[in-house]
Amino acid sequence: MTLQSDLSRDGEAGETDDRVSLAVSTVIFALRPHPATGSPTIWLPLVRRIREPFEGRWALPGGPLEPHEDLASSARHTLERTTGLTPNHLEQLYAFGRVDRSPDRVVSIVYWALVRAEEDAQVVPIPNVEWFVADEVAGLAFDHDDIVEYALTRLRAKITYSPIAYGFLPDEFTLAQLREVYEAVLGRPLDPANFRRQMRGRLQATGRCLEGLSHRPPALYRHDPTSSRTTLTFERESR
């Protein structure tokens, strides 16, 4: 396949024929303040397409799988081209292969990546790439609206039974920082006391505290990989 300069090349694998082409797309999630509320929320980068089909429309970064690349390598290269980063958390999300998703017959293997705050601070501005609030994107090229919706639904389900929340955090974090991640992903405030109870037995105390604060510094924790993966049930913050 011929490499093209467009960072979102899904559906441009070649001439229309009976062959099925394989593409790799990447959903990249980071937590940033919402422009209206200032509360942390989920953002993702999109690429403006520079050619047909869907010229001028926003799309997820990705492109056809090159013969010399495996799936994960293709997703990593997309990450580097779109953000300049190599996030720690990268996993395969799903395969999308609806027959009418592209003018050509293209099956897209979608990966998702979670970007930590310190990584997000190092994002490199890339021409033709902009970041958007994930819940507010619409009218994307191909079936990328469906992909984003699926990724958000999957993230919100998975955060209740898996350690995926730690993909947004540094190795050591405060309980408030961890709760902030859950609130940003779930889109609602959580009761602090209930959250602390639910996290009991899931974290390892480091014996250190967050530095640089004049008042009593909060304790630092890290994820305990041996902890239970029972489903969490969160209560809303009392008003």
Protein backbone atom coordinates (compact mmCIF):
# COMPACT_ATOMS: atom_id res chain seq x y z
CA MET A 1 0.00 0.00 0.00
CA THR A 2 1.20 3.51 -0.73
CA LEU A 3 1.86 5.67 2.32
CA GLN A 4 -0.04 8.95 2.18
CA SER A 5 0.56 12.14 4.11
CA ASP A 6 -2.97 12.35 5.54
CA LEU A 7 -2.97 11.17 9.16
CA SER A 8 -6.48 9.78 8.70
CA ARG A 9 -6.32 7.54 5.65
CA ASP A 10 -9.04 5.03 6.53
CA GLY A 11 -10.84 3.98 3.35
CA GLU A 12 -8.09 5.07 0.94
CA ALA A 13 -6.40 1.75 0.40
CA GLY A 14 -6.56 1.75 -3.37
CA GLU A 15 -8.87 1.27 -6.32
CA THR A 16 -12.37 -0.01 -5.68
CA ASP A 17 -12.53 -3.77 -6.24
CA ASP A 18 -13.61 -6.92 -4.40
CA ARG A 19 -10.63 -7.00 -2.07
CA VAL A 20 -10.95 -6.25 1.63
CA SER A 21 -8.36 -3.79 2.95
CA LEU A 22 -7.16 -3.56 6.53
CA ALA A 23 -6.71 -0.26 8.36
CA VAL A 24 -5.63 0.66 11.88
CA SER A 25 -7.20 3.61 13.71
CA THR A 26 -6.44 4.95 17.16
CA VAL A 27 -8.64 6.60 19.78
CA ILE A 28 -6.39 8.69 22.04
CA PHE A 29 -7.91 9.81 25.35
CA ALA A 30 -6.54 12.46 27.69
CA LEU A 31 -8.12 14.32 30.61
CA ARG A 32 -8.24 18.10 30.26
CA PRO A 33 -10.40 20.89 31.71
CA HIS A 34 -13.74 21.37 29.98
CA PRO A 35 -13.74 24.77 28.23
CA ALA A 36 -17.07 25.76 29.81
CA THR A 37 -16.97 24.23 33.30
CA GLY A 38 -13.25 23.84 33.95
CA SER A 39 -13.89 20.33 35.27
CA PRO A 40 -11.62 17.53 33.99
CA THR A 41 -13.21 15.69 31.09
CA ILE A 42 -12.20 13.34 28.29
CA TRP A 43 -10.55 14.83 25.20
CA LEU A 44 -9.24 13.24 22.01
CA PRO A 45 -7.31 14.43 18.94
CA LEU A 46 -8.87 14.38 15.49
CA VAL A 47 -7.37 14.88 12.06
CA ARG A 48 -8.93 17.02 9.32
CA ARG A 49 -9.03 15.01 6.10
CA ILE A 50 -7.28 16.64 3.15
CA ARG A 51 -8.76 14.50 0.37
CA GLU A 52 -11.85 12.57 -0.58
CA PRO A 53 -13.73 10.73 0.68
CA PHE A 54 -14.96 13.11 3.39
CA GLU A 55 -12.53 15.88 2.49
CA GLY A 56 -12.55 18.59 5.16
CA ARG A 57 -14.24 16.39 7.78
CA TRP A 58 -12.65 15.43 11.08
CA ALA A 59 -11.63 11.82 11.61
CA LEU A 60 -9.76 9.56 13.97
CA PRO A 61 -6.05 9.26 13.20
CA GLY A 62 -5.07 6.11 11.37
CA GLY A 63 -4.47 4.58 7.99
CA PRO A 64 -3.97 1.38 6.01
CA LEU A 65 -1.84 -1.31 7.57
CA GLU A 66 1.51 -1.32 5.85
CA PRO A 67 3.04 -4.70 4.84
CA HIS A 68 6.06 -4.23 7.13
CA GLU A 69 4.05 -3.32 10.27
CA ASP A 70 2.11 -5.35 12.78
CA LEU A 71 -1.11 -3.93 14.25
CA ALA A 72 0.35 -2.55 17.47
CA SER A 73 3.30 -0.95 15.67
CA SER A 74 0.92 0.78 13.27
CA ALA A 75 -1.10 2.15 16.19
CA ARG A 76 2.07 3.37 17.92
CA HIS A 77 3.24 5.15 14.79
CA THR A 78 -0.15 6.84 14.51
CA LEU A 79 0.24 8.02 18.10
CA GLU A 80 3.65 9.45 17.38
CA ARG A 81 2.49 11.20 14.20
CA THR A 82 -0.59 12.67 15.91
CA THR A 83 0.75 13.69 19.33
CA GLY A 84 4.51 13.14 19.34
CA LEU A 85 3.98 10.79 22.29
CA THR A 86 4.44 7.12 23.11
CA PRO A 87 1.91 6.57 25.95
CA ASN A 88 2.31 3.58 28.24
CA HIS A 89 -1.29 2.42 27.88
CA LEU A 90 -2.12 1.11 24.42
CA GLU A 91 -4.49 -1.78 23.79
CA GLN A 92 -6.69 -3.13 21.04
CA LEU A 93 -10.30 -1.98 21.38
CA TYR A 94 -12.41 -3.59 18.63
CA ALA A 95 -12.71 -4.33 14.93
CA PHE A 96 -15.15 -2.35 12.80
CA GLY A 97 -16.15 -3.88 9.49
CA ARG A 98 -19.60 -2.73 8.46
CA VAL A 99 -19.84 -3.16 4.68
CA ASP A 100 -20.92 0.44 4.02
CA ARG A 101 -18.45 2.14 6.38
CA SER A 102 -16.21 3.27 3.52
CA PRO A 103 -16.46 3.67 -0.27
CA ASP A 104 -13.92 0.83 -0.50
CA ARG A 105 -14.27 -2.37 1.55
CA VAL A 106 -12.17 -1.58 4.62
CA VAL A 107 -12.03 -3.30 7.99
CA SER A 108 -10.52 -1.10 10.69
CA ILE A 109 -8.76 -2.49 13.76
CA VAL A 110 -9.10 0.17 16.44
CA TYR A 111 -6.68 0.70 19.31
CA TRP A 112 -7.08 3.07 22.19
CA ALA A 113 -4.44 4.90 24.19
CA LEU A 114 -4.65 6.69 27.53
CA VAL A 115 -2.43 9.73 28.02
CA ARG A 116 -1.12 10.70 31.46
CA ALA A 117 -1.11 14.33 32.56
CA GLU A 118 2.67 14.60 32.39
CA GLU A 119 2.57 13.07 28.90
CA ASP A 120 -0.23 15.39 27.81
CA ALA A 121 1.93 18.37 28.79
CA GLN A 122 4.46 17.20 26.18
CA VAL A 123 2.01 16.89 23.28
CA VAL A 124 3.56 18.34 20.15
CA PRO A 125 1.36 20.59 17.96
CA ILE A 126 0.83 18.83 14.64
CA PRO A 127 -0.59 20.57 11.54
CA ASN A 128 -4.16 19.54 10.74
CA VAL A 129 -4.67 17.98 14.20
CA GLU A 130 -6.92 19.44 16.90
CA TRP A 131 -8.17 18.20 20.27
CA PHE A 132 -11.89 18.04 21.10
CA VAL A 133 -14.11 17.14 24.05
CA ALA A 134 -14.86 13.49 23.28
CA ASP A 135 -18.54 13.59 24.27
CA GLU A 136 -19.18 16.57 22.01
CA VAL A 137 -17.78 15.39 18.68
CA ALA A 138 -20.23 14.65 15.88
CA GLY A 139 -20.31 14.44 12.09
CA LEU A 140 -16.99 12.62 11.80
CA ALA A 141 -15.84 10.87 8.63
CA PHE A 142 -16.68 7.24 7.96
CA ASP A 143 -18.20 5.52 11.01
CA HIS A 144 -15.90 7.31 13.44
CA ASP A 145 -18.84 8.73 15.45
CA ASP A 146 -19.76 5.12 16.26
CA ILE A 147 -16.16 4.26 17.13
CA VAL A 148 -15.82 7.19 19.54
CA GLU A 149 -19.15 6.33 21.17
CA TYR A 150 -18.11 2.70 21.54
CA ALA A 151 -14.75 3.69 23.03
CA LEU A 152 -16.37 6.00 25.59
CA THR A 153 -18.93 3.37 26.57
CA ARG A 154 -16.22 0.76 26.91
CA LEU A 155 -14.01 3.04 29.00
CA ARG A 156 -16.87 3.91 31.37
CA ALA A 157 -17.73 0.26 31.84
CA LYS A 158 -14.16 -0.95 32.19
CA ILE A 159 -13.20 1.63 34.81
CA THR A 160 -15.62 0.00 37.27
CA TYR A 161 -13.96 -3.44 37.21
CA SER A 162 -10.40 -3.04 35.88
CA PRO A 163 -7.32 -0.93 36.71
CA ILE A 164 -7.65 1.13 33.51
CA ALA A 165 -8.02 4.39 35.51
CA TYR A 166 -4.32 4.22 36.38
CA GLY A 167 -3.52 4.73 32.70
CA PHE A 168 -4.32 8.42 33.24
CA LEU A 169 -2.17 8.75 36.38
CA PRO A 170 1.51 8.84 37.30
CA ASP A 171 2.92 5.86 39.17
CA GLU A 172 2.23 7.61 42.49
CA PHE A 173 -0.90 9.66 43.10
CA THR A 174 -3.21 10.99 45.79
CA LEU A 175 -6.65 9.60 46.50
CA ALA A 176 -8.15 12.90 45.31
CA GLN A 177 -6.30 12.61 41.99
CA LEU A 178 -7.60 9.07 41.54
CA ARG A 179 -11.16 10.15 42.33
CA GLU A 180 -10.81 12.99 39.83
CA VAL A 181 -10.06 10.45 37.10
CA TYR A 182 -13.14 8.41 37.96
CA GLU A 183 -15.30 11.54 38.03
CA ALA A 184 -13.97 12.73 34.68
CA VAL A 185 -14.57 9.37 33.01
CA LEU A 186 -17.98 8.72 34.56
CA GLY A 187 -19.05 12.34 34.08
CA ARG A 188 -20.40 12.91 37.60
CA PRO A 189 -19.14 13.82 41.08
CA LEU A 190 -18.55 10.94 43.51
CA ASP A 191 -18.97 10.85 47.25
CA PRO A 192 -15.44 11.11 48.72
CA ALA A 193 -16.12 8.91 51.75
CA ASN A 194 -17.70 6.17 49.68
CA PHE A 195 -14.88 6.37 47.16
CA ARG A 196 -12.27 5.99 49.91
CA ARG A 197 -14.07 2.89 51.21
CA GLN A 198 -14.24 1.34 47.76
CA MET A 199 -10.53 1.91 47.17
CA ARG A 200 -9.59 0.23 50.45
CA GLY A 201 -7.48 -2.82 49.68
CA ARG A 202 -6.90 -1.76 46.07
CA LEU A 203 -4.01 0.63 46.69
CA GLN A 204 -0.55 0.45 48.21
CA ALA A 205 0.53 3.26 50.53
CA THR A 206 3.95 4.59 49.55
CA GLY A 207 4.69 6.17 52.94
CA ARG A 208 5.28 9.47 51.15
CA CYS A 209 3.17 12.60 50.78
CA LEU A 210 2.61 15.08 47.99
CA GLU A 211 5.26 17.77 48.23
CA GLY A 212 5.03 21.49 47.67
CA LEU A 213 1.89 22.19 49.73
CA SER A 214 1.80 24.55 52.69
CA HIS A 215 -1.01 22.73 54.50
CA ARG A 216 -1.14 19.07 55.52
CA PRO A 217 0.05 17.19 52.40
CA PRO A 218 -2.07 14.24 51.20
CA ALA A 219 -0.64 10.73 51.16
CA LEU A 220 0.64 9.16 47.97
CA TYR A 221 -0.49 5.74 46.77
CA ARG A 222 0.22 3.36 43.94
CA HIS A 223 -1.92 0.72 42.30
CA ASP A 224 -1.81 -2.72 43.95
CA PRO A 225 -1.70 -5.24 41.05
CA THR A 226 -2.69 -8.07 43.41
CA SER A 227 -5.92 -6.37 44.52
CA SER A 228 -9.43 -7.65 43.87
CA ARG A 229 -11.17 -6.77 40.60
CA THR A 230 -14.69 -6.84 41.96
CA THR A 231 -17.02 -4.31 40.34
CA LEU A 232 -17.11 -0.89 41.99
CA THR A 233 -20.42 0.83 42.74
CA PHE A 234 -20.12 4.57 43.22
CA GLU A 235 -22.49 6.93 44.98
CA ARG A 236 -22.98 10.48 43.81
CA GLU A 237 -21.48 13.23 45.93
CA SER A 238 -23.93 14.46 48.58
CA ARG A 239 -25.12 18.02 48.02
